[in-house]
C-alpha cells in the first residue's frame, strides 16, 4: 500500500480515521471501492458521535413542519 506500518496500526487501533487517500489505497489492494471504505468510516463516526452526545441529542426538539 506504500504507507507506514505505524499508519496502518493507528487505523486498526481506531486512533486514526480512514482518509480519502487511505481509502483509495485499500480499494486498490482489496479490489473494492474507495466509497466502501469511506462509508465504513462514516458509520463509525456516526456511531461514536451518537454514543458521545446521546443525552445532548435527546434534548433537541424536532420542529413541526406543515
N, C-alpha and C. Protein backbone atom coordinates (compact mmCIF):
# COMPACT_ATOMS: atom_id res chain seq x y z
N UNK A 1 0.82 -1.21 0.00
CA UNK A 1 0.00 0.00 0.00
C UNK A 1 0.85 1.26 0.00
N UNK A 2 2.11 1.10 0.28
CA UNK A 2 3.03 2.23 0.33
C UNK A 2 2.67 3.25 1.41
N UNK A 3 2.27 2.73 2.58
CA UNK A 3 2.08 3.55 3.78
C UNK A 3 2.84 2.87 4.91
N UNK A 4 3.15 3.61 5.92
CA UNK A 4 3.93 3.05 7.02
C UNK A 4 3.10 2.06 7.83
N UNK A 5 3.80 1.16 8.45
CA UNK A 5 3.15 0.22 9.36
C UNK A 5 2.50 0.95 10.52
N UNK A 6 3.11 2.05 10.93
CA UNK A 6 2.55 2.85 12.02
C UNK A 6 1.18 3.41 11.63
N UNK A 7 1.06 3.89 10.39
CA UNK A 7 -0.22 4.42 9.91
C UNK A 7 -1.29 3.34 9.94
N UNK A 8 -0.96 2.17 9.41
CA UNK A 8 -1.93 1.07 9.41
C UNK A 8 -2.30 0.66 10.83
N UNK A 9 -1.31 0.60 11.69
CA UNK A 9 -1.56 0.23 13.08
C UNK A 9 -2.49 1.23 13.75
N UNK A 10 -2.28 2.51 13.52
CA UNK A 10 -3.14 3.54 14.12
C UNK A 10 -4.58 3.44 13.60
N UNK A 11 -4.74 3.10 12.33
CA UNK A 11 -6.09 2.91 11.78
C UNK A 11 -6.75 1.70 12.43
N UNK A 12 -6.02 0.60 12.53
CA UNK A 12 -6.57 -0.62 13.13
C UNK A 12 -6.92 -0.43 14.60
N UNK A 13 -6.17 0.42 15.28
CA UNK A 13 -6.45 0.69 16.70
C UNK A 13 -7.47 1.80 16.88
N UNK A 14 -8.05 2.25 15.79
CA UNK A 14 -9.04 3.33 15.78
C UNK A 14 -8.50 4.62 16.39
N UNK A 15 -7.22 4.87 16.17
CA UNK A 15 -6.61 6.12 16.60
C UNK A 15 -6.45 7.07 15.44
N UNK A 16 -6.77 6.61 14.25
CA UNK A 16 -6.72 7.44 13.05
C UNK A 16 -7.85 7.01 12.13
N UNK A 17 -8.49 7.98 11.51
CA UNK A 17 -9.60 7.69 10.59
C UNK A 17 -9.07 7.28 9.22
N UNK A 18 -9.93 6.60 8.47
CA UNK A 18 -9.61 6.27 7.09
C UNK A 18 -9.83 7.53 6.25
N UNK A 19 -8.75 8.03 5.68
CA UNK A 19 -8.83 9.22 4.84
C UNK A 19 -9.16 8.81 3.41
N UNK A 20 -9.40 9.79 2.56
CA UNK A 20 -9.65 9.51 1.15
C UNK A 20 -8.45 8.80 0.54
N UNK A 21 -7.25 9.26 0.87
CA UNK A 21 -6.03 8.65 0.35
C UNK A 21 -5.93 7.18 0.77
N UNK A 22 -6.15 6.90 2.03
CA UNK A 22 -6.09 5.52 2.52
C UNK A 22 -7.20 4.69 1.89
N UNK A 23 -8.39 5.26 1.74
CA UNK A 23 -9.50 4.54 1.11
C UNK A 23 -9.14 4.15 -0.32
N UNK A 24 -8.48 5.05 -1.03
CA UNK A 24 -8.05 4.74 -2.40
C UNK A 24 -7.06 3.58 -2.40
N UNK A 25 -6.15 3.59 -1.48
CA UNK A 25 -5.14 2.53 -1.39
C UNK A 25 -5.77 1.19 -0.99
N UNK A 26 -6.65 1.22 -0.01
CA UNK A 26 -7.33 -0.02 0.41
C UNK A 26 -8.17 -0.59 -0.72
N UNK A 27 -8.85 0.27 -1.43
CA UNK A 27 -9.68 -0.17 -2.56
C UNK A 27 -8.83 -0.87 -3.60
N UNK A 28 -7.68 -0.33 -3.85
CA UNK A 28 -6.78 -0.93 -4.85
C UNK A 28 -6.28 -2.30 -4.38
N UNK A 29 -5.87 -2.39 -3.13
CA UNK A 29 -5.34 -3.63 -2.58
C UNK A 29 -6.40 -4.73 -2.54
N UNK A 30 -7.61 -4.37 -2.09
CA UNK A 30 -8.65 -5.37 -1.88
C UNK A 30 -9.66 -5.46 -3.03
N UNK A 31 -9.42 -4.72 -4.10
CA UNK A 31 -10.30 -4.73 -5.27
C UNK A 31 -11.74 -4.39 -4.88
N UNK A 32 -11.85 -3.31 -4.15
CA UNK A 32 -13.17 -2.80 -3.74
C UNK A 32 -13.26 -1.36 -4.25
N UNK A 33 -14.08 -0.56 -3.61
CA UNK A 33 -14.19 0.85 -3.99
C UNK A 33 -13.78 1.74 -2.83
N UNK A 34 -13.27 2.92 -3.12
CA UNK A 34 -12.97 3.86 -2.03
C UNK A 34 -14.23 4.21 -1.24
N UNK A 35 -15.36 4.27 -1.94
CA UNK A 35 -16.62 4.61 -1.27
C UNK A 35 -16.94 3.61 -0.16
N UNK A 36 -16.65 2.34 -0.40
CA UNK A 36 -16.93 1.33 0.62
C UNK A 36 -16.17 1.64 1.91
N UNK A 37 -14.90 1.95 1.81
CA UNK A 37 -14.07 2.26 2.97
C UNK A 37 -14.51 3.55 3.64
N UNK A 38 -14.85 4.55 2.84
CA UNK A 38 -15.31 5.82 3.41
C UNK A 38 -16.68 5.67 4.06
N UNK A 39 -17.55 4.84 3.50
CA UNK A 39 -18.85 4.58 4.12
C UNK A 39 -18.67 3.90 5.47
N UNK A 40 -17.73 2.97 5.54
CA UNK A 40 -17.47 2.30 6.82
C UNK A 40 -16.94 3.31 7.84
N UNK A 41 -16.05 4.20 7.42
CA UNK A 41 -15.53 5.21 8.32
C UNK A 41 -16.65 6.13 8.80
N UNK A 42 -17.53 6.51 7.87
CA UNK A 42 -18.64 7.38 8.24
C UNK A 42 -19.56 6.69 9.24
N UNK A 43 -19.80 5.40 9.07
CA UNK A 43 -20.64 4.66 10.01
C UNK A 43 -20.02 4.67 11.41
N UNK A 44 -18.72 4.50 11.49
CA UNK A 44 -18.03 4.56 12.78
C UNK A 44 -18.14 5.95 13.38
N UNK A 45 -17.96 6.97 12.56
CA UNK A 45 -18.05 8.36 13.04
C UNK A 45 -19.44 8.65 13.61
N UNK A 46 -20.47 8.20 12.92
CA UNK A 46 -21.85 8.41 13.38
C UNK A 46 -22.09 7.67 14.69
N UNK A 47 -21.64 6.44 14.76
CA UNK A 47 -21.78 5.63 15.98
C UNK A 47 -21.10 6.32 17.16
N UNK A 48 -19.87 6.76 16.95
CA UNK A 48 -19.12 7.43 18.03
C UNK A 48 -19.82 8.70 18.49
N UNK A 49 -20.28 9.51 17.55
CA UNK A 49 -20.96 10.76 17.91
C UNK A 49 -22.26 10.47 18.65
N UNK A 50 -23.01 9.49 18.20
CA UNK A 50 -24.28 9.15 18.84
C UNK A 50 -24.06 8.71 20.29
N UNK A 51 -23.02 7.95 20.53
CA UNK A 51 -22.72 7.49 21.89
C UNK A 51 -22.20 8.63 22.75
N UNK A 52 -21.33 9.45 22.19
CA UNK A 52 -20.71 10.52 22.96
C UNK A 52 -21.69 11.62 23.34
N UNK A 53 -22.64 11.92 22.46
CA UNK A 53 -23.55 13.06 22.66
C UNK A 53 -25.00 12.62 22.81
N UNK A 54 -25.23 11.40 23.22
CA UNK A 54 -26.59 10.85 23.29
C UNK A 54 -27.54 11.75 24.09
N UNK A 55 -27.15 12.17 25.27
CA UNK A 55 -28.02 12.99 26.11
C UNK A 55 -28.31 14.34 25.46
N UNK A 56 -27.27 14.93 24.91
CA UNK A 56 -27.44 16.23 24.25
C UNK A 56 -28.39 16.13 23.06
N UNK A 57 -28.21 15.11 22.24
CA UNK A 57 -29.08 14.92 21.07
C UNK A 57 -30.52 14.66 21.52
N UNK A 58 -30.69 13.98 22.66
CA UNK A 58 -32.02 13.69 23.17
C UNK A 58 -32.77 14.94 23.59
N UNK A 59 -32.04 15.99 23.93
CA UNK A 59 -32.68 17.25 24.36
C UNK A 59 -33.07 18.15 23.20
N UNK A 60 -32.68 17.80 22.02
CA UNK A 60 -33.02 18.61 20.84
C UNK A 60 -34.46 18.29 20.43
N UNK A 61 -35.26 19.31 20.35
CA UNK A 61 -36.67 19.13 19.99
C UNK A 61 -36.85 19.28 18.47
N UNK A 62 -37.54 18.33 17.87
CA UNK A 62 -37.80 18.46 16.43
C UNK A 62 -38.79 19.60 16.16
N UNK A 63 -38.68 20.21 15.03
CA UNK A 63 -39.63 21.26 14.66
C UNK A 63 -40.78 20.61 13.91
N UNK A 64 -41.93 21.23 14.01
CA UNK A 64 -43.10 20.73 13.29
C UNK A 64 -43.15 21.37 11.92
N UNK A 65 -43.27 20.55 10.91
CA UNK A 65 -43.34 21.03 9.54
C UNK A 65 -44.73 20.78 9.02
N UNK A 66 -45.28 21.79 8.42
CA UNK A 66 -46.67 21.71 7.93
C UNK A 66 -46.81 20.73 6.81
